[in-house]
Every structure is written in C-alpha cells, then in structure tokens.
C-alpha cells in the first residue's frame, strides 16, 4: 500500500455514515475544514435521531 505521489490530487471528500450503515452522505463542497465541521454536525444529528428512536 502506498500514499499519493508528489503532484497527485488527494480526494478530500468527507463521508458521514450512520452507525448501522443505512445513511451515507458525501460532502465535497467548501474547504476541508468546513466539510469536516459540517460532517460532525450531520453525524451528531444522526446520532441524536437514533437515540430518540430508541427511547
């Protein structure tokens, strides 16, 4: 296994998945910091929704 070579483009898409794998969201817009922040917010909402369903 090897990493990217110099000059290669690195895909910085953020993937958000539900724990059970039923939901997947790919975030490709904005800079990496903003994509990660949005991914964390989405993951939090998914987790909260799952917790609410289990109550």
PDB file of N, CA and C in Angstrom:
ATOM      1  N   UNK A   1       0.850  -1.169   0.000  1.00  0.00           N
ATOM      2  CA  UNK A   1       0.000   0.000   0.000  1.00  0.00           C
ATOM      3  C   UNK A   1       0.899   1.236   0.000  1.00  0.00           C
ATOM      4  N   UNK A   2       0.546   2.228  -0.751  1.00  0.00           N
ATOM      5  CA  UNK A   2       1.357   3.439  -0.791  1.00  0.00           C
ATOM      6  C   UNK A   2       0.465   4.665  -0.765  1.00  0.00           C
ATOM      7  N   UNK A   3       1.053   5.771  -0.405  1.00  0.00           N
ATOM      8  CA  UNK A   3       0.327   7.036  -0.363  1.00  0.00           C
ATOM      9  C   UNK A   3       0.403   7.736  -1.700  1.00  0.00           C
ATOM     10  N   UNK A   4      -0.175   8.923  -1.762  1.00  0.00           N
ATOM     11  CA  UNK A   4      -0.144   9.678  -3.017  1.00  0.00           C
ATOM     12  C   UNK A   4       1.272  10.106  -3.369  1.00  0.00           C
ATOM     13  N   UNK A   5       1.551  10.131  -4.642  1.00  0.00           N
ATOM     14  CA  UNK A   5       2.845  10.598  -5.135  1.00  0.00           C
ATOM     15  C   UNK A   5       2.815  12.117  -5.216  1.00  0.00           C
ATOM     16  N   UNK A   6       3.972  12.733  -5.272  1.00  0.00           N
ATOM     17  CA  UNK A   6       4.045  14.185  -5.390  1.00  0.00           C
ATOM     18  C   UNK A   6       3.316  14.626  -6.651  1.00  0.00           C
ATOM     19  N   UNK A   7       2.457  15.610  -6.521  1.00  0.00           N
ATOM     20  CA  UNK A   7       1.704  16.122  -7.657  1.00  0.00           C
ATOM     21  C   UNK A   7       0.350  15.460  -7.827  1.00  0.00           C
ATOM     22  N   UNK A   8       0.120  14.319  -7.152  1.00  0.00           N
ATOM     23  CA  UNK A   8      -1.186  13.665  -7.238  1.00  0.00           C
ATOM     24  C   UNK A   8      -2.221  14.495  -6.493  1.00  0.00           C
ATOM     25  N   UNK A   9      -3.435  14.519  -7.032  1.00  0.00           N
ATOM     26  CA  UNK A   9      -4.534  15.151  -6.313  1.00  0.00           C
ATOM     27  C   UNK A   9      -5.007  14.187  -5.230  1.00  0.00           C
ATOM     28  N   UNK A  10      -5.297  14.712  -4.054  1.00  0.00           N
ATOM     29  CA  UNK A  10      -5.799  13.906  -2.956  1.00  0.00           C
ATOM     30  C   UNK A  10      -7.280  14.205  -2.800  1.00  0.00           C
ATOM     31  N   UNK A  11      -8.108  13.163  -2.815  1.00  0.00           N
ATOM     32  CA  UNK A  11      -9.547  13.325  -2.642  1.00  0.00           C
ATOM     33  C   UNK A  11      -9.812  13.638  -1.180  1.00  0.00           C
ATOM     34  N   UNK A  12     -10.352  14.810  -0.904  1.00  0.00           N
ATOM     35  CA  UNK A  12     -10.625  15.210   0.467  1.00  0.00           C
ATOM     36  C   UNK A  12     -12.127  15.255   0.728  1.00  0.00           C
ATOM     37  N   UNK A  13     -12.842  14.336   0.087  1.00  0.00           N
ATOM     38  CA  UNK A  13     -14.270  14.217   0.327  1.00  0.00           C
ATOM     39  C   UNK A  13     -14.487  13.707   1.742  1.00  0.00           C
ATOM     40  N   UNK A  14     -15.475  14.248   2.426  1.00  0.00           N
ATOM     41  CA  UNK A  14     -15.822  13.796   3.765  1.00  0.00           C
ATOM     42  C   UNK A  14     -17.034  12.878   3.647  1.00  0.00           C
ATOM     43  N   UNK A  15     -16.941  11.687   4.220  1.00  0.00           N
ATOM     44  CA  UNK A  15     -18.027  10.709   4.215  1.00  0.00           C
ATOM     45  C   UNK A  15     -18.600  10.617   5.616  1.00  0.00           C
ATOM     46  N   UNK A  16     -19.920  10.776   5.725  1.00  0.00           N
ATOM     47  CA  UNK A  16     -20.609  10.644   7.002  1.00  0.00           C
ATOM     48  C   UNK A  16     -21.527   9.444   6.888  1.00  0.00           C
ATOM     49  N   UNK A  17     -21.431   8.514   7.842  1.00  0.00           N
ATOM     50  CA  UNK A  17     -22.264   7.298   7.827  1.00  0.00           C
ATOM     51  C   UNK A  17     -22.967   7.149   9.165  1.00  0.00           C
ATOM     52  N   UNK A  18     -24.172   6.602   9.123  1.00  0.00           N
ATOM     53  CA  UNK A  18     -24.860   6.213  10.345  1.00  0.00           C
ATOM     54  C   UNK A  18     -24.170   4.968  10.885  1.00  0.00           C
ATOM     55  N   UNK A  19     -24.276   4.732  12.180  1.00  0.00           N
ATOM     56  CA  UNK A  19     -23.637   3.564  12.794  1.00  0.00           C
ATOM     57  C   UNK A  19     -24.053   2.263  12.135  1.00  0.00           C
ATOM     58  N   UNK A  20     -25.313   2.171  11.732  1.00  0.00           N
ATOM     59  CA  UNK A  20     -25.798   0.927  11.123  1.00  0.00           C
ATOM     60  C   UNK A  20     -25.559   0.885   9.620  1.00  0.00           C
ATOM     61  N   UNK A  21     -24.957   1.932   9.064  1.00  0.00           N
ATOM     62  CA  UNK A  21     -24.611   1.955   7.646  1.00  0.00           C
ATOM     63  C   UNK A  21     -25.761   2.260   6.712  1.00  0.00           C
ATOM     64  N   UNK A  22     -26.906   2.677   7.246  1.00  0.00           N
ATOM     65  CA  UNK A  22     -28.067   2.923   6.391  1.00  0.00           C
ATOM     66  C   UNK A  22     -28.026   4.270   5.701  1.00  0.00           C
ATOM     67  N   UNK A  23     -27.356   5.244   6.295  1.00  0.00           N
ATOM     68  CA  UNK A  23     -27.263   6.563   5.679  1.00  0.00           C
ATOM     69  C   UNK A  23     -25.810   6.869   5.368  1.00  0.00           C
ATOM     70  N   UNK A  24     -25.583   7.384   4.167  1.00  0.00           N
ATOM     71  CA  UNK A  24     -24.254   7.840   3.781  1.00  0.00           C
ATOM     72  C   UNK A  24     -24.397   9.199   3.105  1.00  0.00           C
ATOM     73  N   UNK A  25     -23.549  10.127   3.487  1.00  0.00           N
ATOM     74  CA  UNK A  25     -23.559  11.454   2.893  1.00  0.00           C
ATOM     75  C   UNK A  25     -22.126  11.797   2.507  1.00  0.00           C
ATOM     76  N   UNK A  26     -21.924  12.173   1.261  1.00  0.00           N
ATOM     77  CA  UNK A  26     -20.617  12.625   0.796  1.00  0.00           C
ATOM     78  C   UNK A  26     -20.622  14.141   0.724  1.00  0.00           C
ATOM     79  N   UNK A  27     -19.627  14.771   1.320  1.00  0.00           N
ATOM     80  CA  UNK A  27     -19.530  16.225   1.320  1.00  0.00           C
ATOM     81  C   UNK A  27     -18.293  16.597   0.504  1.00  0.00           C
ATOM     82  N   UNK A  28     -18.520  17.306  -0.587  1.00  0.00           N
ATOM     83  CA  UNK A  28     -17.413  17.666  -1.476  1.00  0.00           C
ATOM     84  C   UNK A  28     -17.236  19.171  -1.643  1.00  0.00           C
ATOM     85  N   UNK A  29     -18.168  19.981  -1.206  1.00  0.00           N
ATOM     86  CA  UNK A  29     -18.109  21.435  -1.413  1.00  0.00           C
ATOM     87  C   UNK A  29     -17.426  22.120  -0.242  1.00  0.00           C
ATOM     88  N   UNK A  30     -16.799  23.261  -0.502  1.00  0.00           N
ATOM     89  CA  UNK A  30     -16.147  24.039   0.540  1.00  0.00           C
ATOM     90  C   UNK A  30     -14.756  23.513   0.825  1.00  0.00           C
ATOM     91  N   UNK A  31     -14.054  24.184   1.735  1.00  0.00           N
ATOM     92  CA  UNK A  31     -12.711  23.717   2.076  1.00  0.00           C
ATOM     93  C   UNK A  31     -12.798  22.563   3.068  1.00  0.00           C
ATOM     94  N   UNK A  32     -11.694  21.868   3.281  1.00  0.00           N
ATOM     95  CA  UNK A  32     -11.696  20.662   4.114  1.00  0.00           C
ATOM     96  C   UNK A  32     -12.158  20.951   5.535  1.00  0.00           C
ATOM     97  N   UNK A  33     -11.744  22.070   6.095  1.00  0.00           N
ATOM     98  CA  UNK A  33     -12.154  22.412   7.468  1.00  0.00           C
ATOM     99  C   UNK A  33     -13.665  22.540   7.567  1.00  0.00           C
ATOM    100  N   UNK A  34     -14.278  23.208   6.581  1.00  0.00           N
ATOM    101  CA  UNK A  34     -15.735  23.379   6.585  1.00  0.00           C
ATOM    102  C   UNK A  34     -16.443  22.055   6.342  1.00  0.00           C
ATOM    103  N   UNK A  35     -15.899  21.207   5.463  1.00  0.00           N
ATOM    104  CA  UNK A  35     -16.510  19.893   5.217  1.00  0.00           C
ATOM    105  C   UNK A  35     -16.486  19.037   6.474  1.00  0.00           C
ATOM    106  N   UNK A  36     -15.366  19.065   7.196  1.00  0.00           N
ATOM    107  CA  UNK A  36     -15.270  18.286   8.432  1.00  0.00           C
ATOM    108  C   UNK A  36     -16.263  18.798   9.476  1.00  0.00           C
ATOM    109  N   UNK A  37     -16.378  20.113   9.610  1.00  0.00           N
ATOM    110  CA  UNK A  37     -17.307  20.696  10.584  1.00  0.00           C
ATOM    111  C   UNK A  37     -18.745  20.306  10.238  1.00  0.00           C
ATOM    112  N   UNK A  38     -19.097  20.393   8.964  1.00  0.00           N
ATOM    113  CA  UNK A  38     -20.438  20.000   8.538  1.00  0.00           C
ATOM    114  C   UNK A  38     -20.654  18.509   8.785  1.00  0.00           C
ATOM    115  N   UNK A  39     -19.655  17.699   8.502  1.00  0.00           N
ATOM    116  CA  UNK A  39     -19.748  16.259   8.752  1.00  0.00           C
ATOM    117  C   UNK A  39     -19.994  15.945  10.212  1.00  0.00           C
ATOM    118  N   UNK A  40     -19.308  16.669  11.111  1.00  0.00           N
ATOM    119  CA  UNK A  40     -19.518  16.450  12.551  1.00  0.00           C
ATOM    120  C   UNK A  40     -20.940  16.825  12.966  1.00  0.00           C
ATOM    121  N   UNK A  41     -21.450  17.932  12.409  1.00  0.00           N
ATOM    122  CA  UNK A  41     -22.828  18.345  12.749  1.00  0.00           C
ATOM    123  C   UNK A  41     -23.837  17.318  12.249  1.00  0.00           C
ATOM    124  N   UNK A  42     -23.634  16.810  11.044  1.00  0.00           N
ATOM    125  CA  UNK A  42     -24.542  15.809  10.489  1.00  0.00           C
ATOM    126  C   UNK A  42     -24.483  14.527  11.316  1.00  0.00           C
ATOM    127  N   UNK A  43     -23.272  14.090  11.680  1.00  0.00           N
ATOM    128  CA  UNK A  43     -23.127  12.882  12.493  1.00  0.00           C
ATOM    129  C   UNK A  43     -23.829  13.051  13.836  1.00  0.00           C
ATOM    130  N   UNK A  44     -23.702  14.232  14.434  1.00  0.00           N
ATOM    131  CA  UNK A  44     -24.368  14.497  15.717  1.00  0.00           C
ATOM    132  C   UNK A  44     -25.891  14.397  15.555  1.00  0.00           C
ATOM    133  N   UNK A  45     -26.416  14.976  14.481  1.00  0.00           N
ATOM    134  CA  UNK A  45     -27.861  14.912  14.245  1.00  0.00           C
ATOM    135  C   UNK A  45     -28.327  13.473  14.020  1.00  0.00           C
ATOM    136  N   UNK A  46     -27.558  12.696  13.260  1.00  0.00           N
ATOM    137  CA  UNK A  46     -27.906  11.290  13.036  1.00  0.00           C
ATOM    138  C   UNK A  46     -27.910  10.525  14.352  1.00  0.00           C
ATOM    139  N   UNK A  47     -26.892  10.755  15.178  1.00  0.00           N
ATOM    140  CA  UNK A  47     -26.818  10.063  16.472  1.00  0.00           C
ATOM    141  C   UNK A  47     -27.971  10.461  17.389  1.00  0.00           C
ATOM    142  N   UNK A  48     -28.318  11.743  17.409  1.00  0.00           N
ATOM    143  CA  UNK A  48     -29.435  12.203  18.219  1.00  0.00           C
ATOM    144  C   UNK A  48     -30.750  11.597  17.746  1.00  0.00           C
ATOM    145  N   UNK A  49     -30.929  11.514  16.415  1.00  0.00           N
ATOM    146  CA  UNK A  49     -32.143  10.918  15.874  1.00  0.00           C
ATOM    147  C   UNK A  49     -32.234   9.446  16.230  1.00  0.00           C
ATOM    148  N   UNK A  50     -31.112   8.723  16.147  1.00  0.00           N
ATOM    149  CA  UNK A  50     -31.101   7.307  16.501  1.00  0.00           C
ATOM    150  C   UNK A  50     -31.420   7.132  17.984  1.00  0.00           C
ATOM    151  N   UNK A  51     -30.863   7.991  18.839  1.00  0.00           N
ATOM    152  CA  UNK A  51     -31.124   7.905  20.280  1.00  0.00           C
ATOM    153  C   UNK A  51     -32.589   8.179  20.579  1.00  0.00           C
ATOM    154  N   UNK A  52     -33.176   9.127  19.854  1.00  0.00           N
ATOM    155  CA  UNK A  52     -34.593   9.471  20.061  1.00  0.00           C
ATOM    156  C   UNK A  52     -35.484   8.283  19.656  1.00  0.00           C
ATOM    157  N   UNK A  53     -35.132   7.612  18.582  1.00  0.00           N
ATOM    158  CA  UNK A  53     -35.914   6.471  18.117  1.00  0.00           C
ATOM    159  C   UNK A  53     -35.863   5.335  19.140  1.00  0.00           C
ATOM    160  N   UNK A  54     -34.719   5.154  19.788  1.00  0.00           N
ATOM    161  CA  UNK A  54     -34.551   4.055  20.747  1.00  0.00           C
ATOM    162  C   UNK A  54     -35.272   4.318  22.061  1.00  0.00           C
ATOM    163  N   UNK A  55     -35.681   5.558  22.311  1.00  0.00           N
ATOM    164  CA  UNK A  55     -36.372   5.867  23.587  1.00  0.00           C
ATOM    165  C   UNK A  55     -37.760   5.356  23.605  1.00  0.00           C
TER     166      UNK A  55
END
